[in-house]
Amino acid sequence: MPRVSFTFRRVLTFLDLNSGRLYGEGVTTPSLIELRDRLRIENFSFLGYLGVVLSALFQVANKESRQQIKTGITSTGLIAISYLSYKKGSLYLCKRKEEYEARQSFSNSSVNGTKY
């Protein structure tokens, strides 16, 4: 007669719907607050760097012609596009890493700590 076996697990890994990232047990970010703090710091640091670059470009543009202003605006647009591309790529890589970590964590042990 065939045997049926059930394994019950307590899974405490969650998906943040705003960022699409995992947090909780089995991944590097243990809480939603920490995840959102990391994302906030990353976004504010980008805005700070962008502000520094913009102010430097406009100071140079004030001393030069209108062509420099156009070049500065174009450069700022390129920086913003490259940042968005970077964010999309890093989000993809973070998601893959977090999914891998969660799978490894939950495939290696049961609720009782039994290793498989």
Protein backbone atom coordinates (compact mmCIF):
# COMPACT_ATOMS: atom_id res chain seq x y z
CA MET A 1 0.00 0.00 0.00
CA PRO A 2 1.41 3.48 -0.88
CA ARG A 3 2.47 5.72 1.92
CA VAL A 4 1.56 9.41 2.12
CA SER A 5 3.78 11.79 4.05
CA PHE A 6 3.01 15.39 4.95
CA THR A 7 5.55 17.96 6.04
CA PHE A 8 4.23 21.11 7.70
CA ARG A 9 6.38 24.21 7.63
CA ARG A 10 6.06 27.61 9.15
CA VAL A 11 7.07 30.03 6.41
CA LEU A 12 7.76 33.58 7.55
CA THR A 13 9.03 35.08 4.31
CA PHE A 14 6.93 37.89 2.88
CA LEU A 15 6.76 39.93 -0.31
CA ASP A 16 6.66 43.73 -0.15
CA LEU A 17 4.14 44.74 -2.81
CA ASN A 18 5.58 48.26 -3.16
CA SER A 19 9.12 47.19 -4.02
CA GLY A 20 8.64 43.56 -5.04
CA ARG A 21 11.37 42.46 -2.58
CA LEU A 22 11.31 39.64 -0.06
CA TYR A 23 11.83 40.08 3.67
CA GLY A 24 11.61 37.91 6.75
CA GLU A 25 12.96 34.48 7.57
CA GLY A 26 15.38 32.98 5.08
CA VAL A 27 16.50 36.22 3.38
CA THR A 28 19.02 38.91 4.29
CA THR A 29 16.44 41.59 5.17
CA PRO A 30 14.64 40.51 8.36
CA SER A 31 11.87 43.14 8.48
CA LEU A 32 9.75 45.36 6.27
CA ILE A 33 10.97 48.46 8.11
CA GLU A 34 14.61 47.60 7.41
CA LEU A 35 13.82 46.86 3.75
CA ARG A 36 12.07 50.20 3.26
CA ASP A 37 14.85 52.03 5.15
CA ARG A 38 17.43 50.54 2.78
CA LEU A 39 15.42 51.58 -0.27
CA ARG A 40 14.87 55.09 1.15
CA ILE A 41 18.59 55.55 1.82
CA GLU A 42 19.43 54.36 -1.69
CA ASN A 43 16.94 56.79 -3.26
CA PHE A 44 18.02 59.78 -1.13
CA SER A 45 21.68 59.15 -1.85
CA PHE A 46 20.93 59.14 -5.58
CA LEU A 47 19.04 62.42 -5.29
CA GLY A 48 21.96 63.92 -3.37
CA TYR A 49 24.48 62.83 -6.01
CA LEU A 50 22.21 64.09 -8.76
CA GLY A 51 21.91 67.47 -6.99
CA VAL A 52 25.69 67.78 -6.74
CA VAL A 53 26.14 66.95 -10.43
CA LEU A 54 23.38 69.36 -11.47
CA SER A 55 24.76 72.23 -9.40
CA ALA A 56 28.24 71.66 -10.83
CA LEU A 57 26.89 71.59 -14.38
CA PHE A 58 24.83 74.75 -13.91
CA GLN A 59 27.72 76.64 -12.30
CA VAL A 60 29.80 75.85 -15.36
CA ALA A 61 26.84 76.74 -17.57
CA ASN A 62 26.44 80.15 -15.93
CA LYS A 63 29.95 81.03 -16.98
CA GLU A 64 29.53 79.69 -20.49
CA SER A 65 26.87 79.89 -23.18
CA ARG A 66 23.33 78.52 -23.51
CA GLN A 67 24.77 75.47 -25.23
CA GLN A 68 26.30 74.43 -21.94
CA ILE A 69 22.87 74.55 -20.30
CA LYS A 70 21.47 72.24 -22.99
CA THR A 71 24.43 69.92 -22.50
CA GLY A 72 23.86 69.95 -18.74
CA ILE A 73 20.18 69.10 -19.09
CA THR A 74 20.98 66.30 -21.55
CA SER A 75 23.65 64.95 -19.22
CA THR A 76 21.21 65.04 -16.31
CA GLY A 77 18.66 63.12 -18.36
CA LEU A 78 21.27 60.51 -19.26
CA ILE A 79 22.25 60.18 -15.59
CA ALA A 80 18.61 59.70 -14.60
CA ILE A 81 18.06 57.08 -17.32
CA SER A 82 21.21 55.23 -16.32
CA TYR A 83 20.09 55.28 -12.68
CA LEU A 84 16.67 53.88 -13.57
CA SER A 85 18.36 51.15 -15.60
CA TYR A 86 20.64 50.42 -12.66
CA LYS A 87 17.66 50.23 -10.28
CA LYS A 88 15.80 47.84 -12.56
CA GLY A 89 18.86 45.61 -12.97
CA SER A 90 19.70 45.62 -9.26
CA LEU A 91 16.06 44.86 -8.37
CA TYR A 92 16.15 41.87 -10.71
CA LEU A 93 19.39 40.60 -9.18
CA CYS A 94 18.18 41.20 -5.60
CA LYS A 95 14.95 39.32 -6.30
CA ARG A 96 16.86 36.35 -7.71
CA LYS A 97 19.25 36.32 -4.73
CA GLU A 98 16.43 36.59 -2.18
CA GLU A 99 14.39 33.84 -3.87
CA TYR A 100 17.46 31.59 -3.92
CA GLU A 101 18.19 32.26 -0.23
CA ALA A 102 14.58 31.59 0.75
CA ARG A 103 14.49 28.34 -1.22
CA GLN A 104 17.74 27.20 0.35
CA SER A 105 16.56 28.08 3.83
CA PHE A 106 13.25 26.28 3.55
CA SER A 107 14.49 23.26 1.67
CA ASN A 108 17.22 22.52 4.21
CA SER A 109 15.29 22.32 7.47
CA SER A 110 11.83 21.59 8.83
CA VAL A 111 9.96 23.25 11.69
CA ASN A 112 11.58 20.85 14.15
CA GLY A 113 15.03 21.65 12.78
CA THR A 114 15.33 18.36 10.92
CA LYS A 115 17.79 18.73 8.05
CA TYR A 116 16.88 17.24 4.69
